[in-house]
Amino acid sequence: MSLPSPGAARDRTRAHYDRYPFGFDQEEILAEKLERRVMGEAIRATRPGDLVLDVGCGASRVARLVRRTSGALAVGLDLSQASLRGGRAAAGPLVQGDNLMLPFRSGCADLVISNGVIHHTPDAHAAFLELARVVRPGGTLVVSVYDRGSWYYPVYRWLGAGVRRLHRAIGDRGLRMTVFPLFHLGVLVLLPLATRRRLFLPVETSWNLFHDQLTTPRATFHRFEELRGWAREAGLACVEERREAARQLATCRLRRAAA
């Protein structure tokens, strides 16, 4: 069976997130990201006047964190119009665009963040190089991708494949009555353990998270060695590697040498 073209794959991903916009941004989640994640450390290091690009911004969590810390300018970009509508309350401009063709000049940003996004694109390598292109000399890129060695790889590949087949057969209504209640119960139990916070996820937020995790049309998985190779190709140095989100994500903080 032939693979869909890059344009068709992009359109499928956009349609998916327009239908199930990612809004996993409760206050407890934001606090955990600011205090314990690599992206939070990088955000806390920004200053007024810096430009922060959030590529794949969803509901604009990065803009919210920037607003409450440094006061830098945060610009969010996302492929999904529905996701952008969910982020309108956050500070900073929002742009609809493709992370394979970023509408920003080269070397413009002090900090670029792409958290759990490029593995949904038709070409994660090309998307990484686009992220690197817009990092200024002396600037930082924080990128997180699905970890090839994580527990989530077999979950998405095998369990997710079954859920996707079931979705095609019984639709959203059927999933809400069968598989989703088990997922939601698991989220209610496990999420507080993973975040170390008391947290109750609303049903609709959990529903969209369910589709992000199990029915998204494309997800690729990568290792730190692969990210290091892409970084060398782009002229970036890897200064930190960390497994995050209950070891689901492989996160790298990279730096471009100062001019």
Protein backbone atom coordinates (compact mmCIF):
# COMPACT_ATOMS: atom_id res chain seq x y z
CA MET A 1 0.00 0.00 0.00
CA SER A 2 1.42 3.38 -0.98
CA LEU A 3 2.01 6.05 1.64
CA PRO A 4 -0.01 9.28 1.46
CA SER A 5 1.73 12.29 -0.08
CA PRO A 6 3.20 14.87 2.34
CA GLY A 7 0.35 17.24 1.51
CA ALA A 8 -2.30 14.59 2.12
CA ALA A 9 -0.64 13.56 5.39
CA ARG A 10 -0.54 17.19 6.53
CA ASP A 11 -4.21 17.65 5.66
CA ARG A 12 -5.19 14.52 7.61
CA THR A 13 -3.30 15.77 10.66
CA ARG A 14 -4.87 19.23 10.41
CA ALA A 15 -8.36 17.72 10.10
CA HIS A 16 -7.71 15.48 13.10
CA TYR A 17 -6.68 18.34 15.40
CA ASP A 18 -9.42 20.61 14.09
CA ARG A 19 -11.85 17.92 15.24
CA TYR A 20 -10.04 17.08 18.49
CA PRO A 21 -8.10 20.24 19.44
CA PHE A 22 -5.38 19.64 21.99
CA GLY A 23 -6.16 21.55 25.19
CA PHE A 24 -4.14 19.70 27.82
CA ASP A 25 -3.31 22.94 29.64
CA GLN A 26 -4.85 22.97 33.10
CA GLU A 27 -3.07 25.13 35.68
CA GLU A 28 -1.52 22.08 37.33
CA ILE A 29 -0.12 20.97 33.97
CA LEU A 30 1.31 24.43 33.27
CA ALA A 31 2.94 24.56 36.70
CA GLU A 32 4.54 21.15 36.18
CA LYS A 33 5.96 22.23 32.83
CA LEU A 34 7.34 25.46 34.21
CA GLU A 35 8.93 23.88 37.27
CA ARG A 36 10.12 20.47 36.07
CA ARG A 37 10.49 20.47 32.27
CA VAL A 38 13.36 21.55 30.07
CA MET A 39 11.03 23.96 28.28
CA GLY A 40 10.17 25.61 31.61
CA GLU A 41 13.83 26.15 32.43
CA ALA A 42 14.41 27.70 29.01
CA ILE A 43 11.37 29.97 29.39
CA ARG A 44 12.52 31.14 32.81
CA ALA A 45 15.86 32.15 31.25
CA THR A 46 14.24 34.51 28.70
CA ARG A 47 14.13 38.27 29.19
CA PRO A 48 11.91 41.15 28.11
CA GLY A 49 12.62 41.87 24.46
CA ASP A 50 13.38 38.25 23.57
CA LEU A 51 11.37 36.52 20.84
CA VAL A 52 10.00 33.07 21.72
CA LEU A 53 8.49 30.94 18.93
CA ASP A 54 6.17 28.12 19.97
CA VAL A 55 5.85 25.83 16.95
CA GLY A 56 2.80 23.62 17.34
CA CYS A 57 1.40 25.86 20.04
CA GLY A 58 -1.99 24.21 20.55
CA ALA A 59 -3.81 26.24 23.21
CA SER A 60 -0.77 28.51 23.69
CA ARG A 61 0.70 27.04 26.86
CA VAL A 62 4.12 28.55 26.11
CA ALA A 63 2.66 32.05 25.75
CA ARG A 64 0.95 31.64 29.11
CA LEU A 65 4.18 30.56 30.77
CA VAL A 66 6.16 33.38 29.15
CA ARG A 67 3.55 35.91 30.27
CA ARG A 68 3.83 34.84 33.91
CA THR A 69 7.64 34.73 33.97
CA SER A 70 9.83 36.88 31.75
CA GLY A 71 7.49 39.10 29.73
CA ALA A 72 9.24 38.18 26.47
CA LEU A 73 7.23 38.22 23.22
CA ALA A 74 5.77 34.77 22.48
CA VAL A 75 4.48 33.96 18.99
CA GLY A 76 2.51 30.74 18.52
CA LEU A 77 2.13 28.75 15.31
CA ASP A 78 -0.15 25.80 14.72
CA LEU A 79 -1.53 23.90 11.75
CA SER A 80 -4.98 23.57 13.34
CA GLN A 81 -7.33 26.54 13.30
CA ALA A 82 -9.44 25.00 16.08
CA SER A 83 -6.38 24.70 18.31
CA LEU A 84 -5.49 28.34 17.67
CA ARG A 85 -9.00 29.42 18.64
CA GLY A 86 -8.45 27.69 21.97
CA GLY A 87 -5.32 29.77 22.58
CA ARG A 88 -6.72 33.23 21.89
CA ALA A 89 -6.83 34.14 25.58
CA ALA A 90 -3.03 33.85 25.82
CA ALA A 91 -0.70 36.79 25.29
CA GLY A 92 1.07 37.16 21.95
CA PRO A 93 0.19 36.79 18.27
CA LEU A 94 -0.93 33.48 16.75
CA VAL A 95 -0.18 32.25 13.24
CA GLN A 96 -1.67 29.37 11.30
CA GLY A 97 1.11 27.63 9.43
CA ASP A 98 3.05 24.50 8.56
CA ASN A 99 6.16 23.59 10.54
CA LEU A 100 7.75 22.31 7.33
CA MET A 101 7.62 25.87 5.94
CA LEU A 102 7.82 28.28 8.87
CA PRO A 103 6.77 31.84 7.88
CA PHE A 104 9.64 33.39 9.87
CA ARG A 105 13.01 34.69 8.72
CA SER A 106 16.14 32.72 9.48
CA GLY A 107 17.86 33.44 12.78
CA CYS A 108 15.02 35.52 14.23
CA ALA A 109 14.22 33.79 17.54
CA ASP A 110 15.97 33.75 20.89
CA LEU A 111 14.09 30.61 21.94
CA VAL A 112 12.22 28.09 19.79
CA ILE A 113 10.04 25.46 21.47
CA SER A 114 8.37 22.51 19.77
CA ASN A 115 6.87 20.19 22.35
CA GLY A 116 5.52 16.91 21.02
CA VAL A 117 4.81 18.17 17.51
CA ILE A 118 7.29 17.27 14.77
CA HIS A 119 6.63 13.54 15.13
CA HIS A 120 3.15 14.24 13.69
CA THR A 121 4.54 15.80 10.50
CA PRO A 122 5.19 13.95 7.22
CA ASP A 123 8.97 14.49 7.73
CA ALA A 124 10.21 14.99 11.29
CA HIS A 125 13.80 15.50 10.09
CA ALA A 126 12.81 18.34 7.75
CA ALA A 127 10.65 19.88 10.49
CA PHE A 128 13.61 19.80 12.89
CA LEU A 129 15.79 21.60 10.35
CA GLU A 130 13.11 24.29 9.98
CA LEU A 131 13.07 24.78 13.74
CA ALA A 132 16.85 25.10 13.74
CA ARG A 133 16.78 27.57 10.84
CA VAL A 134 14.93 30.22 12.84
CA VAL A 135 17.18 30.05 15.94
CA ARG A 136 19.44 33.10 16.16
CA PRO A 137 23.19 32.87 16.96
CA GLY A 138 23.40 32.28 20.71
CA GLY A 139 19.75 31.15 20.77
CA THR A 140 18.15 27.97 22.08
CA LEU A 141 15.94 25.26 20.63
CA VAL A 142 13.95 22.93 22.89
CA VAL A 143 12.39 20.03 21.00
CA SER A 144 10.50 17.01 22.33
CA VAL A 145 9.62 13.93 20.28
CA TYR A 146 8.16 10.54 21.06
CA ASP A 147 10.90 8.32 22.47
CA ARG A 148 11.46 5.16 20.41
CA GLY A 149 12.42 3.29 23.57
CA SER A 150 9.41 4.36 25.62
CA TRP A 151 6.40 2.37 26.84
CA TYR A 152 4.25 4.45 24.50
CA TYR A 153 5.78 3.02 21.31
CA PRO A 154 4.02 -0.38 21.57
CA VAL A 155 0.89 1.31 22.94
CA TYR A 156 0.54 3.53 19.86
CA ARG A 157 1.67 0.88 17.39
CA TRP A 158 -0.38 -2.07 18.62
CA LEU A 159 -3.17 -0.88 20.93
CA GLY A 160 -3.58 2.33 18.95
CA ALA A 161 -3.86 0.40 15.69
CA GLY A 162 -6.76 -1.57 17.16
CA VAL A 163 -8.45 1.60 18.42
CA ARG A 164 -8.04 3.26 15.02
CA ARG A 165 -9.65 0.27 13.30
CA LEU A 166 -12.46 0.31 15.85
CA HIS A 167 -12.92 4.04 15.31
CA ARG A 168 -13.40 3.52 11.60
CA ALA A 169 -16.02 0.85 12.35
CA ILE A 170 -18.06 2.42 15.16
CA GLY A 171 -17.14 6.12 15.10
CA ASP A 172 -16.91 8.57 17.98
CA ARG A 173 -20.21 7.52 19.50
CA GLY A 174 -19.08 3.93 19.73
CA LEU A 175 -15.71 4.85 21.22
CA ARG A 176 -17.37 7.01 23.88
CA MET A 177 -19.33 3.97 25.04
CA THR A 178 -16.54 1.38 24.84
CA VAL A 179 -12.83 2.22 24.93
CA PHE A 180 -12.83 5.84 26.05
CA PRO A 181 -14.29 5.33 29.57
CA LEU A 182 -11.40 2.99 30.38
CA PHE A 183 -8.91 5.57 29.06
CA HIS A 184 -10.50 8.36 31.09
CA LEU A 185 -10.42 6.27 34.26
CA GLY A 186 -6.75 5.52 33.66
CA VAL A 187 -6.02 9.23 33.18
CA LEU A 188 -7.78 10.12 36.42
CA VAL A 189 -5.67 7.59 38.31
CA LEU A 190 -2.29 7.97 36.62
CA LEU A 191 -2.05 11.66 35.78
CA PRO A 192 -1.81 12.84 39.42
CA LEU A 193 0.95 10.29 39.97
CA ALA A 194 2.87 11.46 36.90
CA THR A 195 2.54 15.18 37.69
CA ARG A 196 2.74 14.84 41.49
CA ARG A 197 -0.27 17.13 41.73
CA ARG A 198 -3.94 16.81 42.55
CA LEU A 199 -5.52 17.01 39.14
CA PHE A 200 -8.94 16.21 37.69
CA LEU A 201 -9.08 16.28 33.91
CA PRO A 202 -12.45 17.35 32.40
CA VAL A 203 -14.09 14.72 30.25
CA GLU A 204 -13.85 16.70 26.99
CA THR A 205 -10.17 17.47 27.60
CA SER A 206 -9.60 13.77 28.24
CA TRP A 207 -11.54 12.92 25.07
CA ASN A 208 -9.26 15.08 22.94
CA LEU A 209 -6.19 13.67 24.74
CA PHE A 210 -7.49 10.17 23.94
CA HIS A 211 -7.54 11.03 20.25
CA ASP A 212 -4.13 12.69 20.44
CA GLN A 213 -2.63 9.56 21.97
CA LEU A 214 -4.42 6.77 20.12
CA THR A 215 -6.13 7.89 16.89
CA THR A 216 -3.82 10.61 15.55
CA PRO A 217 -3.13 9.64 11.94
CA ARG A 218 0.66 9.90 12.13
CA ALA A 219 3.22 9.51 14.90
CA THR A 220 6.90 8.67 14.50
CA PHE A 221 9.33 7.69 17.24
CA HIS A 222 12.95 8.75 17.62
CA ARG A 223 16.07 8.27 19.73
CA PHE A 224 18.49 10.79 21.18
CA GLU A 225 21.18 9.59 18.76
CA GLU A 226 18.94 10.58 15.86
CA LEU A 227 18.28 14.03 17.32
CA ARG A 228 22.01 14.56 17.88
CA GLY A 229 22.68 13.78 14.23
CA TRP A 230 20.04 16.26 13.09
CA ALA A 231 21.51 18.85 15.45
CA ARG A 232 25.01 18.44 14.01
CA GLU A 233 23.58 18.81 10.51
CA ALA A 234 21.88 22.06 11.56
CA GLY A 235 24.93 23.48 13.35
CA LEU A 236 23.48 23.14 16.86
CA ALA A 237 25.10 21.74 19.98
CA CYS A 238 23.07 19.53 22.31
CA VAL A 239 23.49 20.83 25.86
CA GLU A 240 20.85 18.71 27.65
CA GLU A 241 18.91 15.50 27.08
CA ARG A 242 16.03 14.37 29.28
CA ARG A 243 13.20 11.86 29.16
CA GLU A 244 9.98 13.61 30.19
CA ALA A 245 6.20 13.11 30.43
CA ALA A 246 6.52 9.78 32.27
CA ARG A 247 9.39 8.93 29.87
CA GLN A 248 7.12 9.23 26.83
CA LEU A 249 9.09 12.11 25.32
CA ALA A 250 12.75 12.51 24.44
CA THR A 251 13.62 16.18 24.97
CA CYS A 252 16.76 18.00 23.81
CA ARG A 253 17.88 21.52 24.63
CA LEU A 254 20.15 22.74 21.85
CA ARG A 255 22.19 25.88 21.39
CA ARG A 256 23.44 27.71 18.33
CA ALA A 257 26.90 29.18 18.80
CA ALA A 258 27.04 32.95 19.19
CA ALA A 259 28.19 34.88 16.16
